[in-house]
């Protein structure tokens, strides 16, 4: 369960969102999934991230997803909604909605309507910080075209507008630069396939994809990777090797479809995606199925 003083730490699952066959949101299945992740040892959930297909939701649906997550969360289980929006005013409104619903922290992308300049990025985070919930910045320059460099993160942290960063660049060298420039800023693993590397580099959280499917095994891997004990790292490495073919799907364009397919194979409700995401190709389906079945055959859960 989350640390009440730092509720953004630990394993927060970027939750996949189940839909009915008519593509309406299945809120009951989503609530059940949140309870499943809590029972699996996760510390919290991050609804309305890219994995939750928030861009395809109506305002009413997006708000209800957060409310459903909070209502389903057991005591001490964190809810860190994604509050991304094109502009700071809209992001602030989503932050206010999250706070009102009972969220414990926020995940915030930079403005991404265009390649925002440094001053616009700083102002964006300042505006949302007015709501008062702790903000974890989300650095995903691959998709947003805005890079939260170590220097910029240090500036934001120095102002008190952010408490951590979800690092998705895949460049594990950044963890050391961030620690040097902003020693108090928490680094959260942002991509499943760099978990061990960023865990060794001092990460104190993981905003995670594949725990949607195998929460218990991935949470244990996170604990081993972040304990700082060489014996734990030695124990983590063979597990990481076993899981890595699956974890690296989290960094591919088809990550939502991939994780949902893996969930289906594991007996959970992954299901279909909303447009514009299309079904996987037969080749992709076969590869992900093989990778998933290999992990399950080794007893991971």
C-alpha atoms as a PDB file:
ATOM      1  CA  UNK A   1       0.000   0.000   0.000  1.00  0.00           C
ATOM      2  CA  UNK A   2       1.111   3.557  -0.600  1.00  0.00           C
ATOM      3  CA  UNK A   3       3.031   5.676   1.859  1.00  0.00           C
ATOM      4  CA  UNK A   4       0.522   8.337   3.012  1.00  0.00           C
ATOM      5  CA  UNK A   5       3.304  10.928   3.022  1.00  0.00           C
ATOM      6  CA  UNK A   6       4.419  10.037  -0.527  1.00  0.00           C
ATOM      7  CA  UNK A   7       1.410   8.361  -2.149  1.00  0.00           C
ATOM      8  CA  UNK A   8       2.935   8.466  -5.647  1.00  0.00           C
ATOM      9  CA  UNK A   9       5.662   5.944  -4.764  1.00  0.00           C
ATOM     10  CA  UNK A  10       5.585   2.205  -5.381  1.00  0.00           C
ATOM     11  CA  UNK A  11       3.864   0.340  -8.221  1.00  0.00           C
ATOM     12  CA  UNK A  12       0.977   2.252  -9.779  1.00  0.00           C
ATOM     13  CA  UNK A  13      -0.625   0.338 -12.631  1.00  0.00           C
ATOM     14  CA  UNK A  14      -1.546   2.357 -15.709  1.00  0.00           C
ATOM     15  CA  UNK A  15      -4.886   0.617 -15.928  1.00  0.00           C
ATOM     16  CA  UNK A  16      -6.290  -0.800 -19.133  1.00  0.00           C
ATOM     17  CA  UNK A  17      -9.956   0.109 -19.539  1.00  0.00           C
ATOM     18  CA  UNK A  18     -12.476  -2.626 -20.393  1.00  0.00           C
ATOM     19  CA  UNK A  19     -15.256  -1.964 -22.886  1.00  0.00           C
ATOM     20  CA  UNK A  20     -18.491  -3.751 -23.661  1.00  0.00           C
ATOM     21  CA  UNK A  21     -18.957  -5.192 -27.146  1.00  0.00           C
ATOM     22  CA  UNK A  22     -20.638  -1.940 -28.207  1.00  0.00           C
ATOM     23  CA  UNK A  23     -17.478  -0.073 -27.024  1.00  0.00           C
ATOM     24  CA  UNK A  24     -19.193   1.559 -24.052  1.00  0.00           C
ATOM     25  CA  UNK A  25     -17.121   1.563 -20.859  1.00  0.00           C
ATOM     26  CA  UNK A  26     -17.592  -1.460 -18.596  1.00  0.00           C
ATOM     27  CA  UNK A  27     -17.312   0.311 -15.240  1.00  0.00           C
ATOM     28  CA  UNK A  28     -18.141  -2.810 -13.222  1.00  0.00           C
ATOM     29  CA  UNK A  29     -15.305  -4.755 -14.867  1.00  0.00           C
ATOM     30  CA  UNK A  30     -12.982  -1.794 -14.314  1.00  0.00           C
ATOM     31  CA  UNK A  31     -13.822  -1.649 -10.603  1.00  0.00           C
ATOM     32  CA  UNK A  32     -13.210  -5.391 -10.360  1.00  0.00           C
ATOM     33  CA  UNK A  33      -9.840  -4.929 -12.070  1.00  0.00           C
ATOM     34  CA  UNK A  34      -8.804  -2.224  -9.587  1.00  0.00           C
ATOM     35  CA  UNK A  35      -9.628  -4.590  -6.714  1.00  0.00           C
ATOM     36  CA  UNK A  36      -7.695  -7.381  -8.451  1.00  0.00           C
ATOM     37  CA  UNK A  37      -4.588  -5.184  -8.718  1.00  0.00           C
ATOM     38  CA  UNK A  38      -4.831  -4.194  -5.063  1.00  0.00           C
ATOM     39  CA  UNK A  39      -5.115  -7.853  -4.076  1.00  0.00           C
ATOM     40  CA  UNK A  40      -2.060  -8.573  -6.236  1.00  0.00           C
ATOM     41  CA  UNK A  41       0.088  -6.297  -4.107  1.00  0.00           C
ATOM     42  CA  UNK A  42       0.169  -3.154  -6.263  1.00  0.00           C
ATOM     43  CA  UNK A  43       0.341   0.194  -4.484  1.00  0.00           C
ATOM     44  CA  UNK A  44      -2.111   2.082  -6.665  1.00  0.00           C
ATOM     45  CA  UNK A  45      -3.556   2.718 -10.107  1.00  0.00           C
ATOM     46  CA  UNK A  46      -3.133   5.400 -12.726  1.00  0.00           C
ATOM     47  CA  UNK A  47      -6.439   5.653 -14.607  1.00  0.00           C
ATOM     48  CA  UNK A  48      -6.836   7.815 -17.699  1.00  0.00           C
ATOM     49  CA  UNK A  49      -3.331   7.270 -18.988  1.00  0.00           C
ATOM     50  CA  UNK A  50      -2.637   6.336 -22.589  1.00  0.00           C
ATOM     51  CA  UNK A  51      -3.111   2.680 -21.666  1.00  0.00           C
ATOM     52  CA  UNK A  52      -6.588   3.642 -20.429  1.00  0.00           C
ATOM     53  CA  UNK A  53      -7.365   5.187 -23.849  1.00  0.00           C
ATOM     54  CA  UNK A  54      -8.347   8.482 -22.214  1.00  0.00           C
ATOM     55  CA  UNK A  55      -8.112  10.352 -25.508  1.00  0.00           C
ATOM     56  CA  UNK A  56     -11.130   8.385 -26.778  1.00  0.00           C
ATOM     57  CA  UNK A  57     -13.341   9.069 -23.744  1.00  0.00           C
ATOM     58  CA  UNK A  58     -16.050  11.682 -23.366  1.00  0.00           C
ATOM     59  CA  UNK A  59     -15.705  14.103 -20.472  1.00  0.00           C
ATOM     60  CA  UNK A  60     -18.408  12.227 -18.586  1.00  0.00           C
ATOM     61  CA  UNK A  61     -16.670   8.885 -19.119  1.00  0.00           C
ATOM     62  CA  UNK A  62     -13.283  10.248 -18.155  1.00  0.00           C
ATOM     63  CA  UNK A  63     -14.617  11.679 -14.902  1.00  0.00           C
ATOM     64  CA  UNK A  64     -16.502   8.483 -14.055  1.00  0.00           C
ATOM     65  CA  UNK A  65     -13.387   6.359 -14.617  1.00  0.00           C
ATOM     66  CA  UNK A  66     -11.596   8.320 -11.876  1.00  0.00           C
ATOM     67  CA  UNK A  67     -14.593   8.104  -9.554  1.00  0.00           C
ATOM     68  CA  UNK A  68     -14.872   4.345 -10.169  1.00  0.00           C
ATOM     69  CA  UNK A  69     -11.186   3.820  -9.381  1.00  0.00           C
ATOM     70  CA  UNK A  70     -11.403   5.775  -6.118  1.00  0.00           C
ATOM     71  CA  UNK A  71     -14.564   3.958  -5.018  1.00  0.00           C
ATOM     72  CA  UNK A  72     -13.030   0.530  -5.795  1.00  0.00           C
ATOM     73  CA  UNK A  73      -9.687   1.293  -4.129  1.00  0.00           C
ATOM     74  CA  UNK A  74      -9.212  -0.228  -0.671  1.00  0.00           C
ATOM     75  CA  UNK A  75      -7.886   1.965   2.121  1.00  0.00           C
ATOM     76  CA  UNK A  76      -4.277   2.981   1.542  1.00  0.00           C
ATOM     77  CA  UNK A  77      -4.386   2.189  -2.173  1.00  0.00           C
ATOM     78  CA  UNK A  78      -3.308   5.135  -4.318  1.00  0.00           C
ATOM     79  CA  UNK A  79      -5.163   6.646  -7.268  1.00  0.00           C
ATOM     80  CA  UNK A  80      -3.013   8.831  -9.547  1.00  0.00           C
ATOM     81  CA  UNK A  81      -5.184   9.907 -12.492  1.00  0.00           C
ATOM     82  CA  UNK A  82      -3.693  11.158 -15.696  1.00  0.00           C
ATOM     83  CA  UNK A  83      -4.836  14.753 -16.158  1.00  0.00           C
ATOM     84  CA  UNK A  84      -3.284  15.425 -19.551  1.00  0.00           C
ATOM     85  CA  UNK A  85      -4.884  18.048 -21.768  1.00  0.00           C
ATOM     86  CA  UNK A  86      -3.875  20.297 -24.624  1.00  0.00           C
ATOM     87  CA  UNK A  87      -3.857  23.337 -22.381  1.00  0.00           C
ATOM     88  CA  UNK A  88      -3.166  24.211 -18.759  1.00  0.00           C
ATOM     89  CA  UNK A  89      -6.694  25.376 -17.964  1.00  0.00           C
ATOM     90  CA  UNK A  90      -8.249  22.099 -19.084  1.00  0.00           C
ATOM     91  CA  UNK A  91      -5.557  20.078 -17.291  1.00  0.00           C
ATOM     92  CA  UNK A  92      -6.292  22.072 -14.140  1.00  0.00           C
ATOM     93  CA  UNK A  93     -10.006  21.256 -14.450  1.00  0.00           C
ATOM     94  CA  UNK A  94      -9.167  17.544 -14.655  1.00  0.00           C
ATOM     95  CA  UNK A  95      -6.897  17.950 -11.627  1.00  0.00           C
ATOM     96  CA  UNK A  96      -9.752  19.588  -9.707  1.00  0.00           C
ATOM     97  CA  UNK A  97     -12.071  16.750 -10.716  1.00  0.00           C
ATOM     98  CA  UNK A  98      -9.503  14.198  -9.530  1.00  0.00           C
ATOM     99  CA  UNK A  99      -9.047  15.994  -6.211  1.00  0.00           C
ATOM    100  CA  UNK A 100     -12.798  16.177  -5.663  1.00  0.00           C
ATOM    101  CA  UNK A 101     -13.129  12.455  -6.421  1.00  0.00           C
ATOM    102  CA  UNK A 102     -10.497  11.601  -3.800  1.00  0.00           C
ATOM    103  CA  UNK A 103      -7.349  10.982  -5.839  1.00  0.00           C
ATOM    104  CA  UNK A 104      -4.030  10.888  -3.974  1.00  0.00           C
ATOM    105  CA  UNK A 105      -1.718  12.330  -6.682  1.00  0.00           C
ATOM    106  CA  UNK A 106      -1.679  13.331 -10.345  1.00  0.00           C
ATOM    107  CA  UNK A 107       0.217  12.330 -13.495  1.00  0.00           C
ATOM    108  CA  UNK A 108       0.687  15.268 -15.848  1.00  0.00           C
ATOM    109  CA  UNK A 109       2.097  15.427 -19.362  1.00  0.00           C
ATOM    110  CA  UNK A 110       3.430  18.743 -20.621  1.00  0.00           C
ATOM    111  CA  UNK A 111       1.152  20.698 -22.969  1.00  0.00           C
ATOM    112  CA  UNK A 112       1.133  18.813 -26.261  1.00  0.00           C
ATOM    113  CA  UNK A 113      -1.025  20.757 -28.688  1.00  0.00           C
ATOM    114  CA  UNK A 114       2.276  21.880 -30.229  1.00  0.00           C
ATOM    115  CA  UNK A 115       5.984  21.639 -29.445  1.00  0.00           C
ATOM    116  CA  UNK A 116       5.713  23.889 -26.405  1.00  0.00           C
ATOM    117  CA  UNK A 117       8.603  26.142 -25.446  1.00  0.00           C
ATOM    118  CA  UNK A 118      10.212  26.019 -22.008  1.00  0.00           C
ATOM    119  CA  UNK A 119       8.246  28.933 -20.545  1.00  0.00           C
ATOM    120  CA  UNK A 120       4.922  27.399 -21.633  1.00  0.00           C
ATOM    121  CA  UNK A 121       5.844  24.073 -20.055  1.00  0.00           C
ATOM    122  CA  UNK A 122       6.768  25.727 -16.754  1.00  0.00           C
ATOM    123  CA  UNK A 123       3.541  27.741 -16.715  1.00  0.00           C
ATOM    124  CA  UNK A 124       1.519  24.589 -17.491  1.00  0.00           C
ATOM    125  CA  UNK A 125       2.840  22.823 -14.406  1.00  0.00           C
ATOM    126  CA  UNK A 126       2.454  25.931 -12.253  1.00  0.00           C
ATOM    127  CA  UNK A 127      -1.213  26.209 -13.193  1.00  0.00           C
ATOM    128  CA  UNK A 128      -2.077  22.592 -12.364  1.00  0.00           C
ATOM    129  CA  UNK A 129      -0.024  22.723  -9.149  1.00  0.00           C
ATOM    130  CA  UNK A 130      -2.485  25.320  -7.822  1.00  0.00           C
ATOM    131  CA  UNK A 131      -4.955  22.474  -7.215  1.00  0.00           C
ATOM    132  CA  UNK A 132      -2.707  21.193  -4.418  1.00  0.00           C
ATOM    133  CA  UNK A 133      -2.322  17.482  -5.198  1.00  0.00           C
ATOM    134  CA  UNK A 134       1.228  16.129  -5.671  1.00  0.00           C
ATOM    135  CA  UNK A 135       2.164  16.101  -9.367  1.00  0.00           C
ATOM    136  CA  UNK A 136       4.284  13.494 -11.101  1.00  0.00           C
ATOM    137  CA  UNK A 137       5.481  14.877 -14.429  1.00  0.00           C
ATOM    138  CA  UNK A 138       5.310  12.497 -17.382  1.00  0.00           C
ATOM    139  CA  UNK A 139       8.206  12.756 -19.798  1.00  0.00           C
ATOM    140  CA  UNK A 140       7.285  11.161 -23.120  1.00  0.00           C
ATOM    141  CA  UNK A 141       9.009  13.186 -25.836  1.00  0.00           C
ATOM    142  CA  UNK A 142       8.458  10.356 -28.322  1.00  0.00           C
ATOM    143  CA  UNK A 143       4.715  11.064 -28.432  1.00  0.00           C
ATOM    144  CA  UNK A 144       4.443  14.647 -27.165  1.00  0.00           C
ATOM    145  CA  UNK A 145       7.508  16.169 -28.917  1.00  0.00           C
ATOM    146  CA  UNK A 146       8.184  18.033 -25.661  1.00  0.00           C
ATOM    147  CA  UNK A 147      11.226  16.845 -23.718  1.00  0.00           C
ATOM    148  CA  UNK A 148      11.298  17.368 -19.970  1.00  0.00           C
ATOM    149  CA  UNK A 149      15.093  17.492 -19.784  1.00  0.00           C
ATOM    150  CA  UNK A 150      16.887  16.965 -16.476  1.00  0.00           C
ATOM    151  CA  UNK A 151      17.525  20.718 -16.330  1.00  0.00           C
ATOM    152  CA  UNK A 152      13.840  21.530 -16.850  1.00  0.00           C
ATOM    153  CA  UNK A 153      12.755  18.931 -14.291  1.00  0.00           C
ATOM    154  CA  UNK A 154      15.177  20.455 -11.796  1.00  0.00           C
ATOM    155  CA  UNK A 155      13.604  23.878 -12.389  1.00  0.00           C
ATOM    156  CA  UNK A 156      10.075  22.545 -11.880  1.00  0.00           C
ATOM    157  CA  UNK A 157      11.071  20.631  -8.765  1.00  0.00           C
ATOM    158  CA  UNK A 158      12.941  23.640  -7.392  1.00  0.00           C
ATOM    159  CA  UNK A 159       9.725  25.651  -7.658  1.00  0.00           C
ATOM    160  CA  UNK A 160       7.818  22.935  -5.820  1.00  0.00           C
ATOM    161  CA  UNK A 161       5.458  22.208  -8.729  1.00  0.00           C
ATOM    162  CA  UNK A 162       6.381  18.522  -9.156  1.00  0.00           C
ATOM    163  CA  UNK A 163       7.363  15.728  -6.776  1.00  0.00           C
ATOM    164  CA  UNK A 164       8.481  13.118  -9.298  1.00  0.00           C
ATOM    165  CA  UNK A 165       8.843  12.184 -12.944  1.00  0.00           C
ATOM    166  CA  UNK A 166       7.648   9.213 -14.936  1.00  0.00           C
ATOM    167  CA  UNK A 167      10.666   8.686 -17.188  1.00  0.00           C
ATOM    168  CA  UNK A 168       9.661   7.149 -20.524  1.00  0.00           C
ATOM    169  CA  UNK A 169      12.566   8.098 -22.782  1.00  0.00           C
ATOM    170  CA  UNK A 170      14.188   4.698 -22.354  1.00  0.00           C
ATOM    171  CA  UNK A 171      17.505   6.469 -21.760  1.00  0.00           C
ATOM    172  CA  UNK A 172      18.571   5.101 -18.394  1.00  0.00           C
ATOM    173  CA  UNK A 173      21.463   7.592 -18.247  1.00  0.00           C
ATOM    174  CA  UNK A 174      18.958  10.317 -17.470  1.00  0.00           C
ATOM    175  CA  UNK A 175      18.296   8.939 -13.999  1.00  0.00           C
ATOM    176  CA  UNK A 176      21.796   9.874 -12.925  1.00  0.00           C
ATOM    177  CA  UNK A 177      21.574  13.379 -14.413  1.00  0.00           C
ATOM    178  CA  UNK A 178      18.224  13.967 -12.727  1.00  0.00           C
ATOM    179  CA  UNK A 179      19.580  12.779  -9.374  1.00  0.00           C
ATOM    180  CA  UNK A 180      22.529  15.158  -9.689  1.00  0.00           C
ATOM    181  CA  UNK A 181      20.483  18.221 -10.698  1.00  0.00           C
ATOM    182  CA  UNK A 182      17.382  17.567  -8.568  1.00  0.00           C
ATOM    183  CA  UNK A 183      18.379  15.203  -5.742  1.00  0.00           C
ATOM    184  CA  UNK A 184      14.968  15.349  -4.072  1.00  0.00           C
ATOM    185  CA  UNK A 185      12.963  14.546  -7.207  1.00  0.00           C
ATOM    186  CA  UNK A 186      11.513  11.021  -7.250  1.00  0.00           C
ATOM    187  CA  UNK A 187      12.186   8.993 -10.386  1.00  0.00           C
ATOM    188  CA  UNK A 188       9.433   6.607 -11.431  1.00  0.00           C
ATOM    189  CA  UNK A 189      10.054   3.906 -14.010  1.00  0.00           C
ATOM    190  CA  UNK A 190       8.024   4.878 -17.061  1.00  0.00           C
ATOM    191  CA  UNK A 191       8.502   1.881 -19.360  1.00  0.00           C
ATOM    192  CA  UNK A 192       8.309  -1.768 -18.335  1.00  0.00           C
ATOM    193  CA  UNK A 193      11.419  -2.837 -20.237  1.00  0.00           C
ATOM    194  CA  UNK A 194      13.813  -0.575 -18.300  1.00  0.00           C
ATOM    195  CA  UNK A 195      12.533  -1.587 -14.857  1.00  0.00           C
ATOM    196  CA  UNK A 196      15.715  -3.252 -13.640  1.00  0.00           C
ATOM    197  CA  UNK A 197      18.025  -0.557 -15.001  1.00  0.00           C
ATOM    198  CA  UNK A 198      16.090   2.345 -13.463  1.00  0.00           C
ATOM    199  CA  UNK A 199      15.509   0.371 -10.273  1.00  0.00           C
ATOM    200  CA  UNK A 200      19.265   0.027  -9.867  1.00  0.00           C
ATOM    201  CA  UNK A 201      19.616   3.751 -10.595  1.00  0.00           C
ATOM    202  CA  UNK A 202      17.409   4.702  -7.660  1.00  0.00           C
ATOM    203  CA  UNK A 203      13.808   4.718  -8.900  1.00  0.00           C
ATOM    204  CA  UNK A 204      11.225   4.744  -6.105  1.00  0.00           C
ATOM    205  CA  UNK A 205       8.146   4.041  -8.208  1.00  0.00           C
ATOM    206  CA  UNK A 206       6.894   2.395 -11.371  1.00  0.00           C
ATOM    207  CA  UNK A 207       3.928   3.491 -13.476  1.00  0.00           C
ATOM    208  CA  UNK A 208       3.440   0.121 -15.010  1.00  0.00           C
ATOM    209  CA  UNK A 209       1.766  -1.681 -17.898  1.00  0.00           C
ATOM    210  CA  UNK A 210       2.187  -5.428 -17.561  1.00  0.00           C
ATOM    211  CA  UNK A 211       1.131  -5.655 -13.907  1.00  0.00           C
ATOM    212  CA  UNK A 212      -2.344  -5.405 -15.476  1.00  0.00           C
ATOM    213  CA  UNK A 213      -1.805  -9.074 -16.357  1.00  0.00           C
ATOM    214  CA  UNK A 214       0.594 -10.496 -13.738  1.00  0.00           C
ATOM    215  CA  UNK A 215       0.538  -8.149 -10.742  1.00  0.00           C
ATOM    216  CA  UNK A 216       2.047 -10.422  -8.082  1.00  0.00           C
ATOM    217  CA  UNK A 217       5.133 -11.411 -10.101  1.00  0.00           C
ATOM    218  CA  UNK A 218       5.830  -7.924 -11.442  1.00  0.00           C
ATOM    219  CA  UNK A 219       5.416  -6.294  -8.019  1.00  0.00           C
ATOM    220  CA  UNK A 220       7.899  -8.786  -6.584  1.00  0.00           C
ATOM    221  CA  UNK A 221      10.298  -7.991  -9.433  1.00  0.00           C
ATOM    222  CA  UNK A 222       9.968  -4.275  -8.657  1.00  0.00           C
ATOM    223  CA  UNK A 223      10.732  -4.861  -4.976  1.00  0.00           C
ATOM    224  CA  UNK A 224      13.847  -6.856  -5.855  1.00  0.00           C
ATOM    225  CA  UNK A 225      15.003  -4.297  -8.432  1.00  0.00           C
ATOM    226  CA  UNK A 226      14.671  -1.316  -6.091  1.00  0.00           C
ATOM    227  CA  UNK A 227      15.801  -2.668  -2.714  1.00  0.00           C
ATOM    228  CA  UNK A 228      19.467  -1.784  -3.212  1.00  0.00           C
ATOM    229  CA  UNK A 229      20.497  -5.218  -1.960  1.00  0.00           C
ATOM    230  CA  UNK A 230      22.921  -6.984  -4.354  1.00  0.00           C
ATOM    231  CA  UNK A 231      21.392 -10.333  -3.405  1.00  0.00           C
ATOM    232  CA  UNK A 232      17.968  -9.078  -4.496  1.00  0.00           C
ATOM    233  CA  UNK A 233      19.373  -7.861  -7.806  1.00  0.00           C
ATOM    234  CA  UNK A 234      20.895 -11.270  -8.411  1.00  0.00           C
ATOM    235  CA  UNK A 235      17.484 -12.807  -7.746  1.00  0.00           C
ATOM    236  CA  UNK A 236      15.744 -10.238  -9.984  1.00  0.00           C
ATOM    237  CA  UNK A 237      17.888 -10.768 -13.071  1.00  0.00           C
ATOM    238  CA  UNK A 238      16.648 -14.225 -14.155  1.00  0.00           C
ATOM    239  CA  UNK A 239      13.037 -13.115 -13.542  1.00  0.00           C
ATOM    240  CA  UNK A 240      13.638  -9.982 -15.607  1.00  0.00           C
ATOM    241  CA  UNK A 241      15.089 -12.084 -18.416  1.00  0.00           C
ATOM    242  CA  UNK A 242      12.022 -14.345 -18.336  1.00  0.00           C
ATOM    243  CA  UNK A 243       9.619 -11.406 -18.460  1.00  0.00           C
ATOM    244  CA  UNK A 244      11.492  -9.060 -20.783  1.00  0.00           C
ATOM    245  CA  UNK A 245      10.095 -10.374 -24.091  1.00  0.00           C
ATOM    246  CA  UNK A 246       6.666  -9.508 -22.724  1.00  0.00           C
ATOM    247  CA  UNK A 247       7.639  -6.274 -20.945  1.00  0.00           C
ATOM    248  CA  UNK A 248       9.089  -4.751 -24.094  1.00  0.00           C
ATOM    249  CA  UNK A 249       5.655  -4.751 -25.747  1.00  0.00           C
ATOM    250  CA  UNK A 250       4.873  -1.903 -23.326  1.00  0.00           C
ATOM    251  CA  UNK A 251       7.213   0.342 -25.327  1.00  0.00           C
ATOM    252  CA  UNK A 252       5.738  -0.434 -28.750  1.00  0.00           C
ATOM    253  CA  UNK A 253       3.064   1.509 -30.620  1.00  0.00           C
ATOM    254  CA  UNK A 254       0.606  -1.358 -30.109  1.00  0.00           C
ATOM    255  CA  UNK A 255       1.133  -1.477 -26.332  1.00  0.00           C
ATOM    256  CA  UNK A 256      -2.564  -1.096 -25.466  1.00  0.00           C
ATOM    257  CA  UNK A 257      -3.693  -3.910 -27.742  1.00  0.00           C
ATOM    258  CA  UNK A 258      -0.732  -6.040 -26.606  1.00  0.00           C
ATOM    259  CA  UNK A 259      -1.444  -5.731 -22.903  1.00  0.00           C
ATOM    260  CA  UNK A 260      -5.172  -6.278 -23.403  1.00  0.00           C
ATOM    261  CA  UNK A 261      -4.456  -9.436 -25.431  1.00  0.00           C
ATOM    262  CA  UNK A 262      -2.127 -10.719 -22.712  1.00  0.00           C
ATOM    263  CA  UNK A 263      -4.839 -10.049 -20.137  1.00  0.00           C
ATOM    264  CA  UNK A 264      -7.345 -12.033 -22.196  1.00  0.00           C
ATOM    265  CA  UNK A 265      -4.928 -14.975 -22.422  1.00  0.00           C
ATOM    266  CA  UNK A 266      -4.434 -14.830 -18.635  1.00  0.00           C
ATOM    267  CA  UNK A 267      -8.196 -15.054 -18.080  1.00  0.00           C
ATOM    268  CA  UNK A 268      -8.773 -11.376 -17.321  1.00  0.00           C
ATOM    269  CA  UNK A 269     -10.919  -8.897 -19.223  1.00  0.00           C
ATOM    270  CA  UNK A 270      -8.660  -7.049 -21.632  1.00  0.00           C
ATOM    271  CA  UNK A 271     -10.894  -6.987 -24.657  1.00  0.00           C
ATOM    272  CA  UNK A 272     -11.221  -4.612 -27.537  1.00  0.00           C
ATOM    273  CA  UNK A 273      -9.874  -1.088 -28.011  1.00  0.00           C
ATOM    274  CA  UNK A 274     -11.689   1.976 -29.266  1.00  0.00           C
ATOM    275  CA  UNK A 275     -10.700   3.577 -32.555  1.00  0.00           C
ATOM    276  CA  UNK A 276      -8.265   4.782 -33.734  1.00  0.00           C
ATOM    277  CA  UNK A 277      -6.543   1.683 -32.350  1.00  0.00           C
ATOM    278  CA  UNK A 278      -7.076  -1.218 -34.721  1.00  0.00           C
ATOM    279  CA  UNK A 279      -6.916  -4.959 -34.007  1.00  0.00           C
ATOM    280  CA  UNK A 280      -3.464  -6.498 -34.031  1.00  0.00           C
ATOM    281  CA  UNK A 281      -2.194  -8.206 -37.162  1.00  0.00           C
ATOM    282  CA  UNK A 282      -2.162 -12.028 -37.182  1.00  0.00           C
ATOM    283  CA  UNK A 283       1.632 -11.921 -36.898  1.00  0.00           C
ATOM    284  CA  UNK A 284       1.557  -9.598 -33.885  1.00  0.00           C
ATOM    285  CA  UNK A 285      -1.176 -11.649 -32.246  1.00  0.00           C
ATOM    286  CA  UNK A 286       0.844 -14.835 -32.666  1.00  0.00           C
ATOM    287  CA  UNK A 287       4.017 -13.251 -31.241  1.00  0.00           C
ATOM    288  CA  UNK A 288       2.311 -11.688 -28.223  1.00  0.00           C
ATOM    289  CA  UNK A 289       0.386 -14.898 -27.577  1.00  0.00           C
ATOM    290  CA  UNK A 290       3.601 -16.915 -27.606  1.00  0.00           C
ATOM    291  CA  UNK A 291       5.375 -14.422 -25.319  1.00  0.00           C
ATOM    292  CA  UNK A 292       2.423 -14.387 -22.915  1.00  0.00           C
ATOM    293  CA  UNK A 293       1.998 -18.156 -22.808  1.00  0.00           C
ATOM    294  CA  UNK A 294       5.731 -18.604 -22.189  1.00  0.00           C
ATOM    295  CA  UNK A 295       5.511 -16.362 -19.111  1.00  0.00           C
ATOM    296  CA  UNK A 296       2.398 -18.115 -17.796  1.00  0.00           C
ATOM    297  CA  UNK A 297       3.944 -21.541 -18.385  1.00  0.00           C
ATOM    298  CA  UNK A 298       6.784 -20.568 -16.023  1.00  0.00           C
ATOM    299  CA  UNK A 299       4.296 -19.878 -13.262  1.00  0.00           C
ATOM    300  CA  UNK A 300       4.315 -16.088 -13.225  1.00  0.00           C
ATOM    301  CA  UNK A 301       1.075 -14.538 -12.078  1.00  0.00           C
END
